[in-house]
Amino acid sequence: MTQVRMPSSLSRILMITLSLIIVSTAVVVAIGESTKRMFKDISQLTLFLENSEEIQPNFERSLEVYTEETKQTKDFLSNLRPETEEELVAAISSIEGIGRKLFLNISLKSIETDVEEEDSIGYQVSFYGTKTDLQNFLKELEKLLLYIRVEEINFKEVKFLETAEIGEEENTNLRIKLYTK
């Protein structure tokens, strides 16, 4: 048998064709993978957009709720500050009522504070009592629906007072500030 040799031009054409087929196949596979990734990205973005459509109404509702709660809080805090003279008298009576409730003989005097603020009035509350009396007074003061700040507390322990001072002298002094509108 004799071997038939292909002409070199035909061999060259087949090699070029085979090379083009391999390159074309590689390009098609690369484009296919790229297209597959692109479809996956598109589906994820579509899902994100569908989910984000629900976010806008939820955000708007959350903003409404927040605004409403903020307004309620602001109104509540505003109501803690007496505006009229009657409300101011009621606030002072409430503070004096704490003393009666705790059986303390309190003295409440209006004072000028170091830093005068237009929307506050300073008071000095004095009474004779123990540390427990002071703690109970402060707890009851906190319960009042008033905007009050305790600026200073001066307390002398009963056991350190001389016998002559016990019961006669006020050993507890508080400086408070009642905020008004």
C-alpha atoms as a PDB file:
ATOM      1  CA  MET A   1       0.000   0.000   0.000  1.00  0.00           C
ATOM      2  CA  THR A   2       1.158   3.271  -0.838  1.00  0.00           C
ATOM      3  CA  GLN A   3       0.511   6.263   1.209  1.00  0.00           C
ATOM      4  CA  VAL A   4      -1.254   9.137  -0.334  1.00  0.00           C
ATOM      5  CA  ARG A   5       0.046  12.462   0.606  1.00  0.00           C
ATOM      6  CA  MET A   6      -2.164  15.417   0.844  1.00  0.00           C
ATOM      7  CA  PRO A   7      -1.120  18.404  -0.986  1.00  0.00           C
ATOM      8  CA  SER A   8       0.344  21.032   1.256  1.00  0.00           C
ATOM      9  CA  SER A   9      -2.319  23.579   0.330  1.00  0.00           C
ATOM     10  CA  LEU A  10      -5.119  21.220   1.405  1.00  0.00           C
ATOM     11  CA  SER A  11      -3.248  20.467   4.614  1.00  0.00           C
ATOM     12  CA  ARG A  12      -2.883  24.158   5.271  1.00  0.00           C
ATOM     13  CA  ILE A  13      -6.607  24.755   4.685  1.00  0.00           C
ATOM     14  CA  LEU A  14      -7.547  21.942   7.081  1.00  0.00           C
ATOM     15  CA  MET A  15      -5.220  23.295   9.764  1.00  0.00           C
ATOM     16  CA  ILE A  16      -6.636  26.793   9.405  1.00  0.00           C
ATOM     17  CA  THR A  17     -10.198  25.418   9.482  1.00  0.00           C
ATOM     18  CA  LEU A  18      -9.440  23.327  12.557  1.00  0.00           C
ATOM     19  CA  SER A  19      -7.853  26.345  14.254  1.00  0.00           C
ATOM     20  CA  LEU A  20     -10.895  28.487  13.426  1.00  0.00           C
ATOM     21  CA  ILE A  21     -13.241  25.789  14.753  1.00  0.00           C
ATOM     22  CA  ILE A  22     -11.292  25.612  18.043  1.00  0.00           C
ATOM     23  CA  VAL A  23     -11.196  29.413  18.399  1.00  0.00           C
ATOM     24  CA  SER A  24     -14.919  29.703  17.515  1.00  0.00           C
ATOM     25  CA  THR A  25     -15.808  27.014  20.041  1.00  0.00           C
ATOM     26  CA  ALA A  26     -13.808  28.780  22.754  1.00  0.00           C
ATOM     27  CA  VAL A  27     -15.469  32.107  21.921  1.00  0.00           C
ATOM     28  CA  VAL A  28     -18.956  30.537  21.952  1.00  0.00           C
ATOM     29  CA  VAL A  29     -18.285  28.859  25.326  1.00  0.00           C
ATOM     30  CA  ALA A  30     -16.942  32.140  26.785  1.00  0.00           C
ATOM     31  CA  ILE A  31     -19.936  34.096  25.468  1.00  0.00           C
ATOM     32  CA  GLY A  32     -22.293  31.431  26.823  1.00  0.00           C
ATOM     33  CA  GLU A  33     -20.766  31.610  30.313  1.00  0.00           C
ATOM     34  CA  SER A  34     -20.872  35.390  30.218  1.00  0.00           C
ATOM     35  CA  THR A  35     -24.506  35.333  29.135  1.00  0.00           C
ATOM     36  CA  LYS A  36     -25.318  32.840  31.900  1.00  0.00           C
ATOM     37  CA  ARG A  37     -23.738  35.120  34.534  1.00  0.00           C
ATOM     38  CA  MET A  38     -25.561  38.111  33.056  1.00  0.00           C
ATOM     39  CA  PHE A  39     -28.944  36.306  33.287  1.00  0.00           C
ATOM     40  CA  LYS A  40     -28.147  35.352  36.896  1.00  0.00           C
ATOM     41  CA  ASP A  41     -27.307  39.002  37.722  1.00  0.00           C
ATOM     42  CA  ILE A  42     -30.479  40.184  35.992  1.00  0.00           C
ATOM     43  CA  SER A  43     -32.606  37.735  37.980  1.00  0.00           C
ATOM     44  CA  GLN A  44     -30.998  38.878  41.256  1.00  0.00           C
ATOM     45  CA  LEU A  45     -31.535  42.528  40.357  1.00  0.00           C
ATOM     46  CA  THR A  46     -35.140  41.811  39.432  1.00  0.00           C
ATOM     47  CA  LEU A  47     -35.659  40.132  42.794  1.00  0.00           C
ATOM     48  CA  PHE A  48     -34.025  43.104  44.537  1.00  0.00           C
ATOM     49  CA  LEU A  49     -36.284  45.549  42.690  1.00  0.00           C
ATOM     50  CA  GLU A  50     -39.364  43.529  43.616  1.00  0.00           C
ATOM     51  CA  ASN A  51     -38.306  43.568  47.276  1.00  0.00           C
ATOM     52  CA  SER A  52     -37.427  47.262  47.193  1.00  0.00           C
ATOM     53  CA  GLU A  53     -40.919  48.137  45.993  1.00  0.00           C
ATOM     54  CA  GLU A  54     -42.129  47.027  49.430  1.00  0.00           C
ATOM     55  CA  ILE A  55     -39.471  49.096  51.207  1.00  0.00           C
ATOM     56  CA  GLN A  56     -40.762  52.521  50.117  1.00  0.00           C
ATOM     57  CA  PRO A  57     -44.260  52.147  51.630  1.00  0.00           C
ATOM     58  CA  ASN A  58     -42.740  50.590  54.778  1.00  0.00           C
ATOM     59  CA  PHE A  59     -40.306  53.480  55.064  1.00  0.00           C
ATOM     60  CA  GLU A  60     -43.090  56.021  54.621  1.00  0.00           C
ATOM     61  CA  ARG A  61     -45.208  54.266  57.266  1.00  0.00           C
ATOM     62  CA  SER A  62     -42.229  54.078  59.650  1.00  0.00           C
ATOM     63  CA  LEU A  63     -41.633  57.793  59.153  1.00  0.00           C
ATOM     64  CA  GLU A  64     -45.303  58.524  59.904  1.00  0.00           C
ATOM     65  CA  VAL A  65     -45.193  56.415  63.081  1.00  0.00           C
ATOM     66  CA  TYR A  66     -41.929  58.045  64.187  1.00  0.00           C
ATOM     67  CA  THR A  67     -43.275  61.531  63.521  1.00  0.00           C
ATOM     68  CA  GLU A  68     -46.499  60.731  65.368  1.00  0.00           C
ATOM     69  CA  GLU A  69     -44.638  59.297  68.376  1.00  0.00           C
ATOM     70  CA  THR A  70     -42.253  62.257  68.391  1.00  0.00           C
ATOM     71  CA  LYS A  71     -45.194  64.655  68.408  1.00  0.00           C
ATOM     72  CA  GLN A  72     -46.819  62.741  71.275  1.00  0.00           C
ATOM     73  CA  THR A  73     -43.549  62.812  73.233  1.00  0.00           C
ATOM     74  CA  LYS A  74     -43.110  66.509  72.564  1.00  0.00           C
ATOM     75  CA  ASP A  75     -46.694  67.209  73.673  1.00  0.00           C
ATOM     76  CA  PHE A  76     -46.191  65.098  76.814  1.00  0.00           C
ATOM     77  CA  LEU A  77     -42.972  66.919  77.711  1.00  0.00           C
ATOM     78  CA  SER A  78     -44.633  70.246  77.032  1.00  0.00           C
ATOM     79  CA  ASN A  79     -47.422  69.323  79.456  1.00  0.00           C
ATOM     80  CA  LEU A  80     -44.824  68.706  82.174  1.00  0.00           C
ATOM     81  CA  ARG A  81     -44.127  72.425  82.246  1.00  0.00           C
ATOM     82  CA  PRO A  82     -46.738  74.631  83.932  1.00  0.00           C
ATOM     83  CA  GLU A  83     -47.855  77.565  81.836  1.00  0.00           C
ATOM     84  CA  THR A  84     -50.522  79.435  83.761  1.00  0.00           C
ATOM     85  CA  GLU A  85     -50.398  80.744  87.292  1.00  0.00           C
ATOM     86  CA  GLU A  86     -52.949  78.117  88.356  1.00  0.00           C
ATOM     87  CA  GLU A  87     -50.752  75.323  86.970  1.00  0.00           C
ATOM     88  CA  LEU A  88     -47.739  76.797  88.758  1.00  0.00           C
ATOM     89  CA  VAL A  89     -49.629  76.924  92.064  1.00  0.00           C
ATOM     90  CA  ALA A  90     -50.738  73.305  91.512  1.00  0.00           C
ATOM     91  CA  ALA A  91     -47.102  72.299  90.874  1.00  0.00           C
ATOM     92  CA  ILE A  92     -45.952  73.963  94.109  1.00  0.00           C
ATOM     93  CA  SER A  93     -48.837  72.331  95.967  1.00  0.00           C
ATOM     94  CA  SER A  94     -47.771  68.958  94.577  1.00  0.00           C
ATOM     95  CA  ILE A  95     -44.272  69.435  95.938  1.00  0.00           C
ATOM     96  CA  GLU A  96     -45.663  70.476  99.330  1.00  0.00           C
ATOM     97  CA  GLY A  97     -48.015  67.472  99.147  1.00  0.00           C
ATOM     98  CA  ILE A  98     -45.027  65.162  99.029  1.00  0.00           C
ATOM     99  CA  GLY A  99     -43.909  66.574 102.377  1.00  0.00           C
ATOM    100  CA  ARG A 100     -47.355  65.993 103.912  1.00  0.00           C
ATOM    101  CA  LYS A 101     -47.481  62.464 102.462  1.00  0.00           C
ATOM    102  CA  LEU A 102     -44.088  61.616 103.978  1.00  0.00           C
ATOM    103  CA  PHE A 103     -44.870  63.454 107.259  1.00  0.00           C
ATOM    104  CA  LEU A 104     -42.094  65.962 106.670  1.00  0.00           C
ATOM    105  CA  ASN A 105     -42.418  69.570 107.664  1.00  0.00           C
ATOM    106  CA  ILE A 106     -41.009  71.086 104.474  1.00  0.00           C
ATOM    107  CA  SER A 107     -40.238  74.696 103.833  1.00  0.00           C
ATOM    108  CA  LEU A 108     -40.459  75.771 100.181  1.00  0.00           C
ATOM    109  CA  LYS A 109     -38.993  79.147  99.226  1.00  0.00           C
ATOM    110  CA  SER A 110     -38.535  80.770  95.842  1.00  0.00           C
ATOM    111  CA  ILE A 111     -34.889  81.650  95.205  1.00  0.00           C
ATOM    112  CA  GLU A 112     -32.821  83.201  92.487  1.00  0.00           C
ATOM    113  CA  THR A 113     -30.558  80.663  90.859  1.00  0.00           C
ATOM    114  CA  ASP A 114     -26.992  81.244  89.695  1.00  0.00           C
ATOM    115  CA  VAL A 115     -27.934  81.005  86.046  1.00  0.00           C
ATOM    116  CA  GLU A 116     -31.267  82.647  85.429  1.00  0.00           C
ATOM    117  CA  GLU A 117     -33.295  81.050  82.693  1.00  0.00           C
ATOM    118  CA  GLU A 118     -36.476  82.621  81.440  1.00  0.00           C
ATOM    119  CA  ASP A 119     -38.334  79.332  81.480  1.00  0.00           C
ATOM    120  CA  SER A 120     -37.509  78.205  85.025  1.00  0.00           C
ATOM    121  CA  ILE A 121     -38.074  79.136  88.647  1.00  0.00           C
ATOM    122  CA  GLY A 122     -35.683  78.205  91.433  1.00  0.00           C
ATOM    123  CA  TYR A 123     -36.852  76.879  94.795  1.00  0.00           C
ATOM    124  CA  GLN A 124     -35.206  75.845  98.032  1.00  0.00           C
ATOM    125  CA  VAL A 125     -36.817  72.900  99.795  1.00  0.00           C
ATOM    126  CA  SER A 126     -35.758  72.383 103.406  1.00  0.00           C
ATOM    127  CA  PHE A 127     -36.812  69.865 106.034  1.00  0.00           C
ATOM    128  CA  TYR A 128     -35.563  67.839 108.961  1.00  0.00           C
ATOM    129  CA  GLY A 129     -35.233  64.139 108.209  1.00  0.00           C
ATOM    130  CA  THR A 130     -33.091  61.081 107.789  1.00  0.00           C
ATOM    131  CA  LYS A 131     -31.296  59.861 104.704  1.00  0.00           C
ATOM    132  CA  THR A 132     -34.272  57.567 104.052  1.00  0.00           C
ATOM    133  CA  ASP A 133     -36.606  60.582 104.228  1.00  0.00           C
ATOM    134  CA  LEU A 134     -34.445  62.352 101.651  1.00  0.00           C
ATOM    135  CA  GLN A 135     -34.441  59.305  99.363  1.00  0.00           C
ATOM    136  CA  ASN A 136     -38.210  58.912  99.664  1.00  0.00           C
ATOM    137  CA  PHE A 137     -38.721  62.623  98.984  1.00  0.00           C
ATOM    138  CA  LEU A 138     -36.593  62.417  95.831  1.00  0.00           C
ATOM    139  CA  LYS A 139     -38.444  59.293  94.642  1.00  0.00           C
ATOM    140  CA  GLU A 140     -41.782  61.026  95.101  1.00  0.00           C
ATOM    141  CA  LEU A 141     -40.436  64.155  93.400  1.00  0.00           C
ATOM    142  CA  GLU A 142     -39.470  62.033  90.384  1.00  0.00           C
ATOM    143  CA  LYS A 143     -43.003  60.656  90.188  1.00  0.00           C
ATOM    144  CA  LEU A 144     -44.500  64.115  89.756  1.00  0.00           C
ATOM    145  CA  LEU A 145     -45.489  64.928  86.219  1.00  0.00           C
ATOM    146  CA  LEU A 146     -43.390  68.070  86.258  1.00  0.00           C
ATOM    147  CA  TYR A 147     -40.131  69.001  84.625  1.00  0.00           C
ATOM    148  CA  ILE A 148     -37.940  69.505  87.707  1.00  0.00           C
ATOM    149  CA  ARG A 149     -34.174  69.415  88.028  1.00  0.00           C
ATOM    150  CA  VAL A 150     -32.477  68.977  91.380  1.00  0.00           C
ATOM    151  CA  GLU A 151     -29.478  71.280  91.267  1.00  0.00           C
ATOM    152  CA  GLU A 152     -28.005  70.818  94.710  1.00  0.00           C
ATOM    153  CA  ILE A 153     -28.514  68.654  97.791  1.00  0.00           C
ATOM    154  CA  ASN A 154     -27.089  69.549 101.192  1.00  0.00           C
ATOM    155  CA  PHE A 155     -27.689  66.886 103.808  1.00  0.00           C
ATOM    156  CA  LYS A 156     -26.351  66.547 107.360  1.00  0.00           C
ATOM    157  CA  GLU A 157     -26.635  63.061 108.803  1.00  0.00           C
ATOM    158  CA  VAL A 158     -28.723  63.038 111.993  1.00  0.00           C
ATOM    159  CA  LYS A 159     -26.088  61.125 113.963  1.00  0.00           C
ATOM    160  CA  PHE A 160     -23.605  63.969 113.403  1.00  0.00           C
ATOM    161  CA  LEU A 161     -25.917  66.671 114.710  1.00  0.00           C
ATOM    162  CA  GLU A 162     -25.567  67.899 118.265  1.00  0.00           C
ATOM    163  CA  THR A 163     -28.372  66.981 120.644  1.00  0.00           C
ATOM    164  CA  ALA A 164     -29.678  70.562 120.735  1.00  0.00           C
ATOM    165  CA  GLU A 165     -29.970  70.675 116.919  1.00  0.00           C
ATOM    166  CA  ILE A 166     -31.942  67.438 116.519  1.00  0.00           C
ATOM    167  CA  GLY A 167     -35.480  68.141 115.423  1.00  0.00           C
ATOM    168  CA  GLU A 168     -35.099  71.913 115.581  1.00  0.00           C
ATOM    169  CA  GLU A 169     -32.874  72.605 112.630  1.00  0.00           C
ATOM    170  CA  GLU A 170     -33.464  71.574 109.039  1.00  0.00           C
ATOM    171  CA  ASN A 171     -30.709  69.177 108.074  1.00  0.00           C
ATOM    172  CA  THR A 172     -31.779  68.696 104.451  1.00  0.00           C
ATOM    173  CA  ASN A 173     -31.681  71.449 101.840  1.00  0.00           C
ATOM    174  CA  LEU A 174     -32.431  70.970  98.168  1.00  0.00           C
ATOM    175  CA  ARG A 175     -32.168  73.495  95.389  1.00  0.00           C
ATOM    176  CA  ILE A 176     -34.535  72.597  92.588  1.00  0.00           C
ATOM    177  CA  LYS A 177     -35.470  74.239  89.342  1.00  0.00           C
ATOM    178  CA  LEU A 178     -39.050  74.006  88.056  1.00  0.00           C
ATOM    179  CA  TYR A 179     -39.243  74.561  84.322  1.00  0.00           C
ATOM    180  CA  THR A 180     -42.193  76.465  82.880  1.00  0.00           C
ATOM    181  CA  LYS A 181     -43.445  77.230  79.387  1.00  0.00           C
END
